C-alpha atoms as a PDB file:
ATOM      1  CA  UNK A   1      33.849 -41.113  17.363  1.00  0.00           C
ATOM      2  CA  UNK A   2      30.481 -41.923  15.867  1.00  0.00           C
ATOM      3  CA  UNK A   3      29.010 -38.645  17.122  1.00  0.00           C
ATOM      4  CA  UNK A   4      31.779 -36.546  15.517  1.00  0.00           C
ATOM      5  CA  UNK A   5      31.239 -38.313  12.166  1.00  0.00           C
ATOM      6  CA  UNK A   6      27.496 -37.645  12.375  1.00  0.00           C
ATOM      7  CA  UNK A   7      28.122 -33.979  13.203  1.00  0.00           C
ATOM      8  CA  UNK A   8      30.520 -33.639  10.238  1.00  0.00           C
ATOM      9  CA  UNK A   9      28.056 -35.296   7.857  1.00  0.00           C
ATOM     10  CA  UNK A  10      25.224 -33.110   9.154  1.00  0.00           C
ATOM     11  CA  UNK A  11      27.326 -29.960   8.694  1.00  0.00           C
ATOM     12  CA  UNK A  12      28.252 -30.953   5.140  1.00  0.00           C
ATOM     13  CA  UNK A  13      24.587 -31.596   4.309  1.00  0.00           C
ATOM     14  CA  UNK A  14      23.502 -28.257   5.808  1.00  0.00           C
ATOM     15  CA  UNK A  15      26.222 -26.317   3.970  1.00  0.00           C
ATOM     16  CA  UNK A  16      25.388 -28.165   0.749  1.00  0.00           C
ATOM     17  CA  UNK A  17      21.695 -27.387   1.143  1.00  0.00           C
ATOM     18  CA  UNK A  18      22.388 -23.704   1.708  1.00  0.00           C
ATOM     19  CA  UNK A  19      24.679 -23.582  -1.333  1.00  0.00           C
ATOM     20  CA  UNK A  20      22.046 -25.280  -3.497  1.00  0.00           C
ATOM     21  CA  UNK A  21      19.394 -22.843  -2.291  1.00  0.00           C
ATOM     22  CA  UNK A  22      21.467 -19.818  -3.286  1.00  0.00           C
ATOM     23  CA  UNK A  23      22.873 -21.183  -6.546  1.00  0.00           C
ATOM     24  CA  UNK A  24      19.788 -22.953  -7.833  1.00  0.00           C
ATOM     25  CA  UNK A  25      17.147 -20.541  -6.617  1.00  0.00           C
ATOM     26  CA  UNK A  26      14.359 -20.188  -9.167  1.00  0.00           C
ATOM     27  CA  UNK A  27      13.850 -16.962 -11.086  1.00  0.00           C
ATOM     28  CA  UNK A  28      10.536 -16.513  -9.278  1.00  0.00           C
ATOM     29  CA  UNK A  29      12.354 -16.951  -5.963  1.00  0.00           C
ATOM     30  CA  UNK A  30      14.895 -14.298  -6.966  1.00  0.00           C
ATOM     31  CA  UNK A  31      12.108 -11.844  -7.797  1.00  0.00           C
ATOM     32  CA  UNK A  32      10.335 -12.530  -4.504  1.00  0.00           C
ATOM     33  CA  UNK A  33      13.623 -11.953  -2.686  1.00  0.00           C
ATOM     34  CA  UNK A  34      14.095  -8.597  -4.454  1.00  0.00           C
ATOM     35  CA  UNK A  35      10.569  -7.499  -3.582  1.00  0.00           C
ATOM     36  CA  UNK A  36      11.046  -8.559   0.052  1.00  0.00           C
ATOM     37  CA  UNK A  37      14.178  -6.417   0.134  1.00  0.00           C
ATOM     38  CA  UNK A  38      12.174  -3.520  -1.316  1.00  0.00           C
ATOM     39  CA  UNK A  39       9.620  -3.775   1.526  1.00  0.00           C
ATOM     40  CA  UNK A  40      12.418  -3.804   4.106  1.00  0.00           C
ATOM     41  CA  UNK A  41      14.102  -0.751   2.586  1.00  0.00           C
ATOM     42  CA  UNK A  42      10.893   1.285   2.278  1.00  0.00           C
ATOM     43  CA  UNK A  43       9.540   0.435   5.732  1.00  0.00           C
ATOM     44  CA  UNK A  44      10.567   2.602   8.664  1.00  0.00           C
ATOM     45  CA  UNK A  45      10.187   2.273  12.428  1.00  0.00           C
ATOM     46  CA  UNK A  46      10.758   5.520  14.313  1.00  0.00           C
ATOM     47  CA  UNK A  47      13.647   7.916  13.918  1.00  0.00           C
ATOM     48  CA  UNK A  48      16.687   6.961  11.883  1.00  0.00           C
ATOM     49  CA  UNK A  49      19.901   8.883  11.260  1.00  0.00           C
ATOM     50  CA  UNK A  50      20.193  10.785   7.970  1.00  0.00           C
ATOM     51  CA  UNK A  51      22.993   8.447   6.858  1.00  0.00           C
ATOM     52  CA  UNK A  52      20.755   5.372   7.270  1.00  0.00           C
ATOM     53  CA  UNK A  53      17.935   7.135   5.422  1.00  0.00           C
ATOM     54  CA  UNK A  54      20.309   7.947   2.541  1.00  0.00           C
ATOM     55  CA  UNK A  55      21.730   4.401   2.441  1.00  0.00           C
ATOM     56  CA  UNK A  56      18.262   2.831   2.310  1.00  0.00           C
ATOM     57  CA  UNK A  57      17.197   5.238  -0.447  1.00  0.00           C
ATOM     58  CA  UNK A  58      20.333   4.395  -2.459  1.00  0.00           C
ATOM     59  CA  UNK A  59      19.812   0.645  -1.982  1.00  0.00           C
ATOM     60  CA  UNK A  60      16.171   1.076  -3.031  1.00  0.00           C
ATOM     61  CA  UNK A  61      17.314   2.832  -6.204  1.00  0.00           C
ATOM     62  CA  UNK A  62      19.591  -0.092  -7.036  1.00  0.00           C
ATOM     63  CA  UNK A  63      16.493  -2.329  -7.319  1.00  0.00           C
ATOM     64  CA  UNK A  64      15.435  -0.306 -10.398  1.00  0.00           C
ATOM     65  CA  UNK A  65      16.818  -0.095 -13.923  1.00  0.00           C
ATOM     66  CA  UNK A  66      18.716   3.063 -14.946  1.00  0.00           C
ATOM     67  CA  UNK A  67      15.375   4.513 -16.049  1.00  0.00           C
ATOM     68  CA  UNK A  68      11.910   3.457 -14.917  1.00  0.00           C
ATOM     69  CA  UNK A  69       8.415   4.417 -15.974  1.00  0.00           C
ATOM     70  CA  UNK A  70       5.731   5.065 -13.357  1.00  0.00           C
ATOM     71  CA  UNK A  71       2.060   5.254 -14.321  1.00  0.00           C
ATOM     72  CA  UNK A  72      -0.886   6.181 -12.129  1.00  0.00           C
ATOM     73  CA  UNK A  73      -4.160   7.860 -12.995  1.00  0.00           C
ATOM     74  CA  UNK A  74      -4.691   9.018  -9.411  1.00  0.00           C
ATOM     75  CA  UNK A  75      -1.218  10.511  -8.786  1.00  0.00           C
ATOM     76  CA  UNK A  76       0.610  13.360 -10.460  1.00  0.00           C
ATOM     77  CA  UNK A  77       3.890  11.459 -10.245  1.00  0.00           C
ATOM     78  CA  UNK A  78       3.390   9.591 -13.515  1.00  0.00           C
ATOM     79  CA  UNK A  79       6.412   9.807 -15.765  1.00  0.00           C
ATOM     80  CA  UNK A  80       9.863   8.585 -16.665  1.00  0.00           C
ATOM     81  CA  UNK A  81      12.392   8.550 -13.798  1.00  0.00           C
ATOM     82  CA  UNK A  82      16.128   7.975 -13.642  1.00  0.00           C
ATOM     83  CA  UNK A  83      17.632   5.880 -10.874  1.00  0.00           C
ATOM     84  CA  UNK A  84      18.970   9.063  -9.227  1.00  0.00           C
ATOM     85  CA  UNK A  85      15.495  10.620  -9.257  1.00  0.00           C
ATOM     86  CA  UNK A  86      14.078   7.456  -7.658  1.00  0.00           C
ATOM     87  CA  UNK A  87      16.716   7.656  -4.933  1.00  0.00           C
ATOM     88  CA  UNK A  88      15.884  11.337  -4.256  1.00  0.00           C
ATOM     89  CA  UNK A  89      12.119  10.682  -4.272  1.00  0.00           C
ATOM     90  CA  UNK A  90      12.534   7.693  -1.935  1.00  0.00           C
ATOM     91  CA  UNK A  91      14.633   9.684   0.543  1.00  0.00           C
ATOM     92  CA  UNK A  92      12.205  12.618   0.454  1.00  0.00           C
ATOM     93  CA  UNK A  93       9.135  10.411   0.906  1.00  0.00           C
ATOM     94  CA  UNK A  94      10.607   8.299   3.725  1.00  0.00           C
ATOM     95  CA  UNK A  95      11.790  11.418   5.562  1.00  0.00           C
ATOM     96  CA  UNK A  96       8.165  12.617   5.831  1.00  0.00           C
ATOM     97  CA  UNK A  97       7.184   9.612   7.957  1.00  0.00           C
ATOM     98  CA  UNK A  98       7.811   8.746  11.589  1.00  0.00           C
ATOM     99  CA  UNK A  99       6.673   5.179  10.831  1.00  0.00           C
ATOM    100  CA  UNK A 100       5.972   3.424   7.553  1.00  0.00           C
ATOM    101  CA  UNK A 101       5.209  -0.189   6.706  1.00  0.00           C
ATOM    102  CA  UNK A 102       4.990  -1.595   3.179  1.00  0.00           C
ATOM    103  CA  UNK A 103       3.548  -5.084   2.722  1.00  0.00           C
ATOM    104  CA  UNK A 104       3.149  -6.930  -0.574  1.00  0.00           C
ATOM    105  CA  UNK A 105       0.467  -9.600  -1.017  1.00  0.00           C
ATOM    106  CA  UNK A 106      -0.947 -11.902  -3.670  1.00  0.00           C
ATOM    107  CA  UNK A 107       2.088 -11.859  -5.950  1.00  0.00           C
ATOM    108  CA  UNK A 108       1.390 -13.279  -9.412  1.00  0.00           C
ATOM    109  CA  UNK A 109       4.591 -13.667 -11.422  1.00  0.00           C
ATOM    110  CA  UNK A 110       4.711 -14.399 -15.151  1.00  0.00           C
ATOM    111  CA  UNK A 111       7.649 -14.591 -17.542  1.00  0.00           C
ATOM    112  CA  UNK A 112       6.651 -13.285 -21.007  1.00  0.00           C
ATOM    113  CA  UNK A 113      10.291 -13.670 -22.091  1.00  0.00           C
ATOM    114  CA  UNK A 114      13.442 -15.124 -20.558  1.00  0.00           C
ATOM    115  CA  UNK A 115      14.633 -11.682 -19.455  1.00  0.00           C
ATOM    116  CA  UNK A 116      11.275 -10.073 -18.619  1.00  0.00           C
ATOM    117  CA  UNK A 117       8.920 -10.688 -15.710  1.00  0.00           C
ATOM    118  CA  UNK A 118       5.483  -9.245 -15.102  1.00  0.00           C
ATOM    119  CA  UNK A 119       4.306  -9.099 -11.502  1.00  0.00           C
ATOM    120  CA  UNK A 120       0.851  -8.172 -10.300  1.00  0.00           C
ATOM    121  CA  UNK A 121       0.519  -7.659  -6.558  1.00  0.00           C
ATOM    122  CA  UNK A 122      -1.387  -5.916  -3.826  1.00  0.00           C
ATOM    123  CA  UNK A 123       0.576  -3.311  -1.884  1.00  0.00           C
ATOM    124  CA  UNK A 124      -0.485  -2.087   1.531  1.00  0.00           C
ATOM    125  CA  UNK A 125       1.088   1.059   2.961  1.00  0.00           C
ATOM    126  CA  UNK A 126       0.457   2.001   6.586  1.00  0.00           C
ATOM    127  CA  UNK A 127       2.160   4.654   8.595  1.00  0.00           C
ATOM    128  CA  UNK A 128       2.152   7.977  10.310  1.00  0.00           C
ATOM    129  CA  UNK A 129       3.601  11.197   8.983  1.00  0.00           C
ATOM    130  CA  UNK A 130       5.763  13.408  11.155  1.00  0.00           C
ATOM    131  CA  UNK A 131       2.803  15.816  11.141  1.00  0.00           C
ATOM    132  CA  UNK A 132       0.694  13.104  12.832  1.00  0.00           C
ATOM    133  CA  UNK A 133      -1.481  12.085   9.871  1.00  0.00           C
ATOM    134  CA  UNK A 134      -2.353   8.400   9.559  1.00  0.00           C
ATOM    135  CA  UNK A 135      -1.773   6.766   6.173  1.00  0.00           C
ATOM    136  CA  UNK A 136      -3.520   3.520   5.266  1.00  0.00           C
ATOM    137  CA  UNK A 137      -3.626   2.796   1.518  1.00  0.00           C
ATOM    138  CA  UNK A 138      -3.968  -0.375  -0.494  1.00  0.00           C
ATOM    139  CA  UNK A 139      -3.241  -0.524  -4.217  1.00  0.00           C
ATOM    140  CA  UNK A 140      -3.085  -3.126  -6.933  1.00  0.00           C
ATOM    141  CA  UNK A 141       0.286  -2.716  -8.642  1.00  0.00           C
ATOM    142  CA  UNK A 142       1.664  -4.042 -11.919  1.00  0.00           C
ATOM    143  CA  UNK A 143       5.446  -4.279 -12.249  1.00  0.00           C
ATOM    144  CA  UNK A 144       7.708  -5.183 -15.119  1.00  0.00           C
ATOM    145  CA  UNK A 145      11.164  -6.411 -14.208  1.00  0.00           C
ATOM    146  CA  UNK A 146      14.114  -6.837 -16.572  1.00  0.00           C
ATOM    147  CA  UNK A 147      16.889  -9.332 -16.009  1.00  0.00           C
ATOM    148  CA  UNK A 148      20.176  -7.487 -16.333  1.00  0.00           C
ATOM    149  CA  UNK A 149      23.386  -9.384 -15.579  1.00  0.00           C
ATOM    150  CA  UNK A 150      21.638 -12.024 -13.451  1.00  0.00           C
ATOM    151  CA  UNK A 151      19.659  -9.453 -11.429  1.00  0.00           C
ATOM    152  CA  UNK A 152      15.960  -8.684 -11.726  1.00  0.00           C
ATOM    153  CA  UNK A 153      15.434  -4.912 -11.734  1.00  0.00           C
ATOM    154  CA  UNK A 154      12.152  -2.997 -11.743  1.00  0.00           C
ATOM    155  CA  UNK A 155      11.619  -1.254 -15.073  1.00  0.00           C
ATOM    156  CA  UNK A 156       7.951  -0.237 -14.963  1.00  0.00           C
ATOM    157  CA  UNK A 157       5.440   0.456 -12.185  1.00  0.00           C
ATOM    158  CA  UNK A 158       1.734   0.945 -12.771  1.00  0.00           C
ATOM    159  CA  UNK A 159      -0.857   1.597 -10.086  1.00  0.00           C
ATOM    160  CA  UNK A 160      -3.777  -0.361 -11.514  1.00  0.00           C
ATOM    161  CA  UNK A 161      -6.398   0.655  -8.973  1.00  0.00           C
ATOM    162  CA  UNK A 162      -6.908   1.876  -5.456  1.00  0.00           C
ATOM    163  CA  UNK A 163      -8.556  -0.820  -3.375  1.00  0.00           C
ATOM    164  CA  UNK A 164     -11.058  -0.219  -0.586  1.00  0.00           C
ATOM    165  CA  UNK A 165      -9.627  -0.175   2.909  1.00  0.00           C
END
């Protein structure tokens, strides 16, 4: 009897804690969660079916606003991109790799306004192309996210500098 009451109380507390975590998660926590999802969607281990590649590219695109600006002095990709262009670029880029790992470090999150977040982070990209070339790049990145209907979406990406390996 006593054990079943303790189990029920423990279950209620666990369920309550999980509910509080999801409903009362801080805005910073929501942004970190979005960026963790981005790393999972970009990363790739070995071969994957074309359908999975397309699904991950589409889900990646949904982390961005309808249009997004990308700025980099060292890349020719600077410009204004629609969500559909981001999805196509993501699918094309991921398809060139046999393995790819994106890691984000040193996140600094600020909230200039209630619906705007600025994130500065270090991004490390490691992988191998299907042609056998090794990729190992580290960049400092500046992001601007906009809160649209309770979701934080990436609106601006700037490669601040390429860091030494």
